[in-house]
Amino acid sequence: MKFRITPLNFASAFFLIIAVYSWVYGIKISGVQLQHMDAAIGWIFLLFAVVVSFMDILFRNFFPETKKIWIVELSFITLAAIIFLLVK
């Protein structure tokens, strides 16, 4: 099996790092420590990492070429960010 680095690999690694960070150091929003929400937020980021990894696997099955995977995954990330900003 050939290992290819894709943008969603970076995104899932980022979500895993944020999940571990929230478990170890906790979460502070607007200067207020959320003591009871640390584990829940960590689990949410872990869920995001699993979903992003699953999407990466789906895109790898549909697009065999690395260049097309990069274009599609960067477009997916951009679309998700735009939708997030519009909803926010």
PDB file of N, CA and C in Angstrom:
ATOM      1  N   MET A   1       0.835  -1.170   0.000  1.00  0.00           N
ATOM      2  CA  MET A   1       0.000   0.000   0.000  1.00  0.00           C
ATOM      3  C   MET A   1       0.886   1.242   0.000  1.00  0.00           C
ATOM      4  N   LYS A   2       0.578   2.147  -0.899  1.00  0.00           N
ATOM      5  CA  LYS A   2       1.363   3.365  -1.037  1.00  0.00           C
ATOM      6  C   LYS A   2       0.790   4.452  -0.140  1.00  0.00           C
ATOM      7  N   PHE A   3       1.634   5.028   0.719  1.00  0.00           N
ATOM      8  CA  PHE A   3       1.193   6.095   1.621  1.00  0.00           C
ATOM      9  C   PHE A   3       1.347   7.432   0.925  1.00  0.00           C
ATOM     10  N   ARG A   4       0.233   8.170   0.842  1.00  0.00           N
ATOM     11  CA  ARG A   4       0.250   9.488   0.220  1.00  0.00           C
ATOM     12  C   ARG A   4      -0.195  10.524   1.246  1.00  0.00           C
ATOM     13  N   ILE A   5       0.517  11.620   1.283  1.00  0.00           N
ATOM     14  CA  ILE A   5       0.161  12.710   2.192  1.00  0.00           C
ATOM     15  C   ILE A   5      -0.855  13.595   1.488  1.00  0.00           C
ATOM     16  N   THR A   6      -1.962  13.868   2.186  1.00  0.00           N
ATOM     17  CA  THR A   6      -3.030  14.685   1.626  1.00  0.00           C
ATOM     18  C   THR A   6      -3.432  15.756   2.645  1.00  0.00           C
ATOM     19  N   PRO A   7      -4.172  16.772   2.216  1.00  0.00           N
ATOM     20  CA  PRO A   7      -4.587  17.829   3.152  1.00  0.00           C
ATOM     21  C   PRO A   7      -5.449  17.318   4.302  1.00  0.00           C
ATOM     22  N   LEU A   8      -6.275  16.322   4.054  1.00  0.00           N
ATOM     23  CA  LEU A   8      -7.112  15.811   5.137  1.00  0.00           C
ATOM     24  C   LEU A   8      -6.291  15.014   6.151  1.00  0.00           C
ATOM     25  N   ASN A   9      -5.117  14.507   5.754  1.00  0.00           N
ATOM     26  CA  ASN A   9      -4.212  13.902   6.734  1.00  0.00           C
ATOM     27  C   ASN A   9      -3.751  14.962   7.730  1.00  0.00           C
ATOM     28  N   PHE A  10      -3.410  16.147   7.212  1.00  0.00           N
ATOM     29  CA  PHE A  10      -2.997  17.238   8.089  1.00  0.00           C
ATOM     30  C   PHE A  10      -4.147  17.684   8.993  1.00  0.00           C
ATOM     31  N   ALA A  11      -5.360  17.732   8.433  1.00  0.00           N
ATOM     32  CA  ALA A  11      -6.515  18.147   9.221  1.00  0.00           C
ATOM     33  C   ALA A  11      -6.813  17.143  10.337  1.00  0.00           C
ATOM     34  N   SER A  12      -6.746  15.856  10.045  1.00  0.00           N
ATOM     35  CA  SER A  12      -7.016  14.857  11.089  1.00  0.00           C
ATOM     36  C   SER A  12      -5.920  14.882  12.157  1.00  0.00           C
ATOM     37  N   ALA A  13      -4.683  15.102  11.754  1.00  0.00           N
ATOM     38  CA  ALA A  13      -3.607  15.220  12.738  1.00  0.00           C
ATOM     39  C   ALA A  13      -3.818  16.455  13.615  1.00  0.00           C
ATOM     40  N   PHE A  14      -4.259  17.553  13.021  1.00  0.00           N
ATOM     41  CA  PHE A  14      -4.552  18.769  13.779  1.00  0.00           C
ATOM     42  C   PHE A  14      -5.655  18.520  14.801  1.00  0.00           C
ATOM     43  N   PHE A  15      -6.728  17.852  14.390  1.00  0.00           N
ATOM     44  CA  PHE A  15      -7.822  17.562  15.315  1.00  0.00           C
ATOM     45  C   PHE A  15      -7.379  16.630  16.442  1.00  0.00           C
ATOM     46  N   LEU A  16      -6.522  15.664  16.136  1.00  0.00           N
ATOM     47  CA  LEU A  16      -6.005  14.783  17.190  1.00  0.00           C
ATOM     48  C   LEU A  16      -5.153  15.562  18.189  1.00  0.00           C
ATOM     49  N   ILE A  17      -4.326  16.462  17.695  1.00  0.00           N
ATOM     50  CA  ILE A  17      -3.482  17.267  18.583  1.00  0.00           C
ATOM     51  C   ILE A  17      -4.346  18.165  19.466  1.00  0.00           C
ATOM     52  N   ILE A  18      -5.376  18.781  18.890  1.00  0.00           N
ATOM     53  CA  ILE A  18      -6.270  19.633  19.675  1.00  0.00           C
ATOM     54  C   ILE A  18      -7.028  18.812  20.715  1.00  0.00           C
ATOM     55  N   ALA A  19      -7.436  17.599  20.368  1.00  0.00           N
ATOM     56  CA  ALA A  19      -8.146  16.742  21.328  1.00  0.00           C
ATOM     57  C   ALA A  19      -7.253  16.393  22.509  1.00  0.00           C
ATOM     58  N   VAL A  20      -6.025  16.001  22.235  1.00  0.00           N
ATOM     59  CA  VAL A  20      -5.091  15.660  23.321  1.00  0.00           C
ATOM     60  C   VAL A  20      -4.774  16.899  24.145  1.00  0.00           C
ATOM     61  N   TYR A  21      -4.583  18.031  23.482  1.00  0.00           N
ATOM     62  CA  TYR A  21      -4.297  19.280  24.198  1.00  0.00           C
ATOM     63  C   TYR A  21      -5.445  19.653  25.138  1.00  0.00           C
ATOM     64  N   SER A  22      -6.683  19.484  24.671  1.00  0.00           N
ATOM     65  CA  SER A  22      -7.819  19.839  25.522  1.00  0.00           C
ATOM     66  C   SER A  22      -7.940  18.893  26.707  1.00  0.00           C
ATOM     67  N   TRP A  23      -7.566  17.626  26.534  1.00  0.00           N
ATOM     68  CA  TRP A  23      -7.591  16.698  27.663  1.00  0.00           C
ATOM     69  C   TRP A  23      -6.497  17.005  28.675  1.00  0.00           C
ATOM     70  N   VAL A  24      -5.321  17.376  28.188  1.00  0.00           N
ATOM     71  CA  VAL A  24      -4.177  17.582  29.081  1.00  0.00           C
ATOM     72  C   VAL A  24      -4.243  18.952  29.760  1.00  0.00           C
ATOM     73  N   TYR A  25      -4.450  20.013  28.987  1.00  0.00           N
ATOM     74  CA  TYR A  25      -4.363  21.366  29.521  1.00  0.00           C
ATOM     75  C   TYR A  25      -5.711  22.034  29.775  1.00  0.00           C
ATOM     76  N   GLY A  26      -6.775  21.489  29.271  1.00  0.00           N
ATOM     77  CA  GLY A  26      -8.079  22.090  29.465  1.00  0.00           C
ATOM     78  C   GLY A  26      -8.368  23.152  28.419  1.00  0.00           C
ATOM     79  N   ILE A  27      -9.573  23.660  28.486  1.00  0.00           N
ATOM     80  CA  ILE A  27     -10.033  24.650  27.513  1.00  0.00           C
ATOM     81  C   ILE A  27     -10.408  25.931  28.254  1.00  0.00           C
ATOM     82  N   LYS A  28      -9.962  27.054  27.704  1.00  0.00           N
ATOM     83  CA  LYS A  28     -10.312  28.358  28.240  1.00  0.00           C
ATOM     84  C   LYS A  28     -10.983  29.154  27.134  1.00  0.00           C
ATOM     85  N   ILE A  29     -12.217  29.585  27.383  1.00  0.00           N
ATOM     86  CA  ILE A  29     -12.936  30.402  26.416  1.00  0.00           C
ATOM     87  C   ILE A  29     -13.269  31.721  27.098  1.00  0.00           C
ATOM     88  N   SER A  30     -12.808  32.809  26.521  1.00  0.00           N
ATOM     89  CA  SER A  30     -13.020  34.158  27.060  1.00  0.00           C
ATOM     90  C   SER A  30     -12.485  34.292  28.483  1.00  0.00           C
ATOM     91  N   GLY A  31     -11.372  33.630  28.772  1.00  0.00           N
ATOM     92  CA  GLY A  31     -10.743  33.743  30.080  1.00  0.00           C
ATOM     93  C   GLY A  31     -11.376  32.901  31.162  1.00  0.00           C
ATOM     94  N   VAL A  32     -12.421  32.141  30.837  1.00  0.00           N
ATOM     95  CA  VAL A  32     -13.112  31.315  31.827  1.00  0.00           C
ATOM     96  C   VAL A  32     -12.715  29.855  31.591  1.00  0.00           C
ATOM     97  N   GLN A  33     -12.216  29.217  32.632  1.00  0.00           N
ATOM     98  CA  GLN A  33     -11.815  27.815  32.535  1.00  0.00           C
ATOM     99  C   GLN A  33     -13.069  26.937  32.553  1.00  0.00           C
ATOM    100  N   LEU A  34     -13.223  26.101  31.552  1.00  0.00           N
ATOM    101  CA  LEU A  34     -14.363  25.185  31.478  1.00  0.00           C
ATOM    102  C   LEU A  34     -13.922  23.826  32.020  1.00  0.00           C
ATOM    103  N   GLN A  35     -14.074  23.620  33.317  1.00  0.00           N
ATOM    104  CA  GLN A  35     -13.544  22.423  33.953  1.00  0.00           C
ATOM    105  C   GLN A  35     -14.328  21.170  33.584  1.00  0.00           C
ATOM    106  N   HIS A  36     -15.620  21.284  33.433  1.00  0.00           N
ATOM    107  CA  HIS A  36     -16.430  20.100  33.199  1.00  0.00           C
ATOM    108  C   HIS A  36     -16.591  19.783  31.719  1.00  0.00           C
ATOM    109  N   MET A  37     -16.140  20.668  30.860  1.00  0.00           N
ATOM    110  CA  MET A  37     -16.314  20.478  29.427  1.00  0.00           C
ATOM    111  C   MET A  37     -15.048  19.996  28.728  1.00  0.00           C
ATOM    112  N   ASP A  38     -13.930  19.866  29.449  1.00  0.00           N
ATOM    113  CA  ASP A  38     -12.672  19.485  28.818  1.00  0.00           C
ATOM    114  C   ASP A  38     -12.775  18.141  28.115  1.00  0.00           C
ATOM    115  N   ALA A  39     -13.323  17.156  28.791  1.00  0.00           N
ATOM    116  CA  ALA A  39     -13.417  15.816  28.210  1.00  0.00           C
ATOM    117  C   ALA A  39     -14.391  15.810  27.035  1.00  0.00           C
ATOM    118  N   ALA A  40     -15.500  16.513  27.159  1.00  0.00           N
ATOM    119  CA  ALA A  40     -16.485  16.538  26.075  1.00  0.00           C
ATOM    120  C   ALA A  40     -15.914  17.202  24.824  1.00  0.00           C
ATOM    121  N   ILE A  41     -15.206  18.299  25.010  1.00  0.00           N
ATOM    122  CA  ILE A  41     -14.608  18.985  23.867  1.00  0.00           C
ATOM    123  C   ILE A  41     -13.515  18.124  23.243  1.00  0.00           C
ATOM    124  N   GLY A  42     -12.749  17.422  24.069  1.00  0.00           N
ATOM    125  CA  GLY A  42     -11.745  16.507  23.543  1.00  0.00           C
ATOM    126  C   GLY A  42     -12.372  15.392  22.722  1.00  0.00           C
ATOM    127  N   TRP A  43     -13.482  14.834  23.182  1.00  0.00           N
ATOM    128  CA  TRP A  43     -14.177  13.782  22.438  1.00  0.00           C
ATOM    129  C   TRP A  43     -14.760  14.323  21.138  1.00  0.00           C
ATOM    130  N   ILE A  44     -15.224  15.562  21.153  1.00  0.00           N
ATOM    131  CA  ILE A  44     -15.752  16.159  19.931  1.00  0.00           C
ATOM    132  C   ILE A  44     -14.646  16.298  18.884  1.00  0.00           C
ATOM    133  N   PHE A  45     -13.472  16.775  19.302  1.00  0.00           N
ATOM    134  CA  PHE A  45     -12.360  16.888  18.350  1.00  0.00           C
ATOM    135  C   PHE A  45     -11.884  15.518  17.886  1.00  0.00           C
ATOM    136  N   LEU A  46     -11.948  14.524  18.741  1.00  0.00           N
ATOM    137  CA  LEU A  46     -11.597  13.161  18.328  1.00  0.00           C
ATOM    138  C   LEU A  46     -12.604  12.658  17.287  1.00  0.00           C
ATOM    139  N   LEU A  47     -13.871  12.958  17.481  1.00  0.00           N
ATOM    140  CA  LEU A  47     -14.889  12.594  16.493  1.00  0.00           C
ATOM    141  C   LEU A  47     -14.627  13.303  15.166  1.00  0.00           C
ATOM    142  N   PHE A  48     -14.269  14.589  15.219  1.00  0.00           N
ATOM    143  CA  PHE A  48     -13.920  15.313  13.995  1.00  0.00           C
ATOM    144  C   PHE A  48     -12.762  14.623  13.270  1.00  0.00           C
ATOM    145  N   ALA A  49     -11.753  14.181  14.021  1.00  0.00           N
ATOM    146  CA  ALA A  49     -10.605  13.513  13.409  1.00  0.00           C
ATOM    147  C   ALA A  49     -11.026  12.213  12.726  1.00  0.00           C
ATOM    148  N   VAL A  50     -11.916  11.465  13.347  1.00  0.00           N
ATOM    149  CA  VAL A  50     -12.381  10.207  12.754  1.00  0.00           C
ATOM    150  C   VAL A  50     -13.181  10.481  11.477  1.00  0.00           C
ATOM    151  N   VAL A  51     -14.051  11.482  11.510  1.00  0.00           N
ATOM    152  CA  VAL A  51     -14.857  11.820  10.326  1.00  0.00           C
ATOM    153  C   VAL A  51     -13.965  12.302   9.185  1.00  0.00           C
ATOM    154  N   VAL A  52     -12.981  13.125   9.499  1.00  0.00           N
ATOM    155  CA  VAL A  52     -12.067  13.630   8.465  1.00  0.00           C
ATOM    156  C   VAL A  52     -11.239  12.485   7.891  1.00  0.00           C
ATOM    157  N   SER A  53     -10.804  11.548   8.718  1.00  0.00           N
ATOM    158  CA  SER A  53     -10.062  10.390   8.214  1.00  0.00           C
ATOM    159  C   SER A  53     -10.936   9.535   7.305  1.00  0.00           C
ATOM    160  N   PHE A  54     -12.206   9.377   7.678  1.00  0.00           N
ATOM    161  CA  PHE A  54     -13.136   8.618   6.836  1.00  0.00           C
ATOM    162  C   PHE A  54     -13.337   9.317   5.495  1.00  0.00           C
ATOM    163  N   MET A  55     -13.461  10.640   5.507  1.00  0.00           N
ATOM    164  CA  MET A  55     -13.601  11.390   4.260  1.00  0.00           C
ATOM    165  C   MET A  55     -12.348  11.254   3.395  1.00  0.00           C
ATOM    166  N   ASP A  56     -11.185  11.217   4.022  1.00  0.00           N
ATOM    167  CA  ASP A  56      -9.937  11.025   3.292  1.00  0.00           C
ATOM    168  C   ASP A  56      -9.935   9.666   2.597  1.00  0.00           C
ATOM    169  N   ILE A  57     -10.397   8.635   3.289  1.00  0.00           N
ATOM    170  CA  ILE A  57     -10.458   7.299   2.691  1.00  0.00           C
ATOM    171  C   ILE A  57     -11.428   7.279   1.515  1.00  0.00           C
ATOM    172  N   LEU A  58     -12.576   7.947   1.673  1.00  0.00           N
ATOM    173  CA  LEU A  58     -13.544   8.010   0.571  1.00  0.00           C
ATOM    174  C   LEU A  58     -12.946   8.712  -0.644  1.00  0.00           C
ATOM    175  N   PHE A  59     -12.302   9.844  -0.418  1.00  0.00           N
ATOM    176  CA  PHE A  59     -11.706  10.568  -1.544  1.00  0.00           C
ATOM    177  C   PHE A  59     -10.596   9.762  -2.202  1.00  0.00           C
ATOM    178  N   ARG A  60      -9.842   9.003  -1.433  1.00  0.00           N
ATOM    179  CA  ARG A  60      -8.779   8.177  -2.013  1.00  0.00           C
ATOM    180  C   ARG A  60      -9.350   7.085  -2.905  1.00  0.00           C
ATOM    181  N   ASN A  61     -10.525   6.564  -2.552  1.00  0.00           N
ATOM    182  CA  ASN A  61     -11.138   5.530  -3.379  1.00  0.00           C
ATOM    183  C   ASN A  61     -11.692   6.091  -4.681  1.00  0.00           C
ATOM    184  N   PHE A  62     -12.211   7.313  -4.656  1.00  0.00           N
ATOM    185  CA  PHE A  62     -12.797   7.903  -5.849  1.00  0.00           C
ATOM    186  C   PHE A  62     -11.763   8.517  -6.790  1.00  0.00           C
ATOM    187  N   PHE A  63     -10.668   9.037  -6.248  1.00  0.00           N
ATOM    188  CA  PHE A  63      -9.660   9.722  -7.069  1.00  0.00           C
ATOM    189  C   PHE A  63      -8.301   9.050  -6.868  1.00  0.00           C
ATOM    190  N   PRO A  64      -7.871   8.240  -7.815  1.00  0.00           N
ATOM    191  CA  PRO A  64      -6.610   7.502  -7.637  1.00  0.00           C
ATOM    192  C   PRO A  64      -5.346   8.363  -7.776  1.00  0.00           C
ATOM    193  N   GLU A  65      -5.429   9.478  -8.488  1.00  0.00           N
ATOM    194  CA  GLU A  65      -4.238  10.312  -8.697  1.00  0.00           C
ATOM    195  C   GLU A  65      -4.063  11.286  -7.537  1.00  0.00           C
ATOM    196  N   THR A  66      -2.819  11.456  -7.113  1.00  0.00           N
ATOM    197  CA  THR A  66      -2.522  12.310  -5.972  1.00  0.00           C
ATOM    198  C   THR A  66      -2.867  13.773  -6.255  1.00  0.00           C
ATOM    199  N   LYS A  67      -2.621  14.234  -7.468  1.00  0.00           N
ATOM    200  CA  LYS A  67      -2.907  15.628  -7.807  1.00  0.00           C
ATOM    201  C   LYS A  67      -4.408  15.911  -7.707  1.00  0.00           C
ATOM    202  N   LYS A  68      -5.233  14.996  -8.184  1.00  0.00           N
ATOM    203  CA  LYS A  68      -6.683  15.184  -8.107  1.00  0.00           C
ATOM    204  C   LYS A  68      -7.166  15.126  -6.659  1.00  0.00           C
ATOM    205  N   ILE A  69      -6.548  14.261  -5.860  1.00  0.00           N
ATOM    206  CA  ILE A  69      -6.920  14.182  -4.439  1.00  0.00           C
ATOM    207  C   ILE A  69      -6.646  15.516  -3.756  1.00  0.00           C
ATOM    208  N   TRP A  70      -5.478  16.105  -4.025  1.00  0.00           N
ATOM    209  CA  TRP A  70      -5.138  17.387  -3.411  1.00  0.00           C
ATOM    210  C   TRP A  70      -6.138  18.471  -3.817  1.00  0.00           C
ATOM    211  N   ILE A  71      -6.507  18.517  -5.094  1.00  0.00           N
ATOM    212  CA  ILE A  71      -7.450  19.535  -5.563  1.00  0.00           C
ATOM    213  C   ILE A  71      -8.808  19.345  -4.911  1.00  0.00           C
ATOM    214  N   VAL A  72      -9.299  18.118  -4.885  1.00  0.00           N
ATOM    215  CA  VAL A  72     -10.624  17.848  -4.329  1.00  0.00           C
ATOM    216  C   VAL A  72     -10.640  18.096  -2.822  1.00  0.00           C
ATOM    217  N   GLU A  73      -9.617  17.645  -2.119  1.00  0.00           N
ATOM    218  CA  GLU A  73      -9.600  17.811  -0.664  1.00  0.00           C
ATOM    219  C   GLU A  73      -9.406  19.272  -0.259  1.00  0.00           C
ATOM    220  N   LEU A  74      -8.587  20.014  -0.986  1.00  0.00           N
ATOM    221  CA  LEU A  74      -8.458  21.438  -0.686  1.00  0.00           C
ATOM    222  C   LEU A  74      -9.766  22.178  -0.980  1.00  0.00           C
ATOM    223  N   SER A  75     -10.455  21.767  -2.028  1.00  0.00           N
ATOM    224  CA  SER A  75     -11.766  22.355  -2.315  1.00  0.00           C
ATOM    225  C   SER A  75     -12.764  22.016  -1.217  1.00  0.00           C
ATOM    226  N   PHE A  76     -12.726  20.793  -0.721  1.00  0.00           N
ATOM    227  CA  PHE A  76     -13.608  20.373   0.364  1.00  0.00           C
ATOM    228  C   PHE A  76     -13.337  21.179   1.632  1.00  0.00           C
ATOM    229  N   ILE A  77     -12.076  21.368   1.969  1.00  0.00           N
ATOM    230  CA  ILE A  77     -11.711  22.138   3.161  1.00  0.00           C
ATOM    231  C   ILE A  77     -12.151  23.592   3.007  1.00  0.00           C
ATOM    232  N   THR A  78     -11.943  24.165   1.817  1.00  0.00           N
ATOM    233  CA  THR A  78     -12.350  25.541   1.565  1.00  0.00           C
ATOM    234  C   THR A  78     -13.866  25.695   1.669  1.00  0.00           C
ATOM    235  N   LEU A  79     -14.607  24.753   1.088  1.00  0.00           N
ATOM    236  CA  LEU A  79     -16.058  24.800   1.155  1.00  0.00           C
ATOM    237  C   LEU A  79     -16.553  24.664   2.591  1.00  0.00           C
ATOM    238  N   ALA A  80     -15.946  23.768   3.354  1.00  0.00           N
ATOM    239  CA  ALA A  80     -16.336  23.603   4.755  1.00  0.00           C
ATOM    240  C   ALA A  80     -16.050  24.870   5.556  1.00  0.00           C
ATOM    241  N   ALA A  81     -14.919  25.520   5.297  1.00  0.00           N
ATOM    242  CA  ALA A  81     -14.580  26.757   6.005  1.00  0.00           C
ATOM    243  C   ALA A  81     -15.546  27.881   5.635  1.00  0.00           C
ATOM    244  N   ILE A  82     -15.920  27.972   4.362  1.00  0.00           N
ATOM    245  CA  ILE A  82     -16.865  29.011   3.940  1.00  0.00           C
ATOM    246  C   ILE A  82     -18.223  28.781   4.575  1.00  0.00           C
ATOM    247  N   ILE A  83     -18.691  27.552   4.581  1.00  0.00           N
ATOM    248  CA  ILE A  83     -19.976  27.241   5.211  1.00  0.00           C
ATOM    249  C   ILE A  83     -19.922  27.536   6.710  1.00  0.00           C
ATOM    250  N   PHE A  84     -18.812  27.192   7.360  1.00  0.00           N
ATOM    251  CA  PHE A  84     -18.667  27.487   8.792  1.00  0.00           C
ATOM    252  C   PHE A  84     -18.747  28.987   9.050  1.00  0.00           C
ATOM    253  N   LEU A  85     -18.061  29.775   8.235  1.00  0.00           N
ATOM    254  CA  LEU A  85     -18.070  31.224   8.422  1.00  0.00           C
ATOM    255  C   LEU A  85     -19.435  31.837   8.107  1.00  0.00           C
ATOM    256  N   LEU A  86     -20.159  31.292   7.133  1.00  0.00           N
ATOM    257  CA  LEU A  86     -21.495  31.787   6.839  1.00  0.00           C
ATOM    258  C   LEU A  86     -22.473  31.474   7.948  1.00  0.00           C
ATOM    259  N   VAL A  87     -22.365  30.297   8.540  1.00  0.00           N
ATOM    260  CA  VAL A  87     -23.260  29.916   9.633  1.00  0.00           C
ATOM    261  C   VAL A  87     -22.931  30.705  10.890  1.00  0.00           C
ATOM    262  N   LYS A  88     -21.655  30.955  11.097  1.00  0.00           N
ATOM    263  CA  LYS A  88     -21.210  31.686  12.286  1.00  0.00           C
ATOM    264  C   LYS A  88     -21.746  33.087  12.235  1.00  0.00           C
TER     265      LYS A  88
END
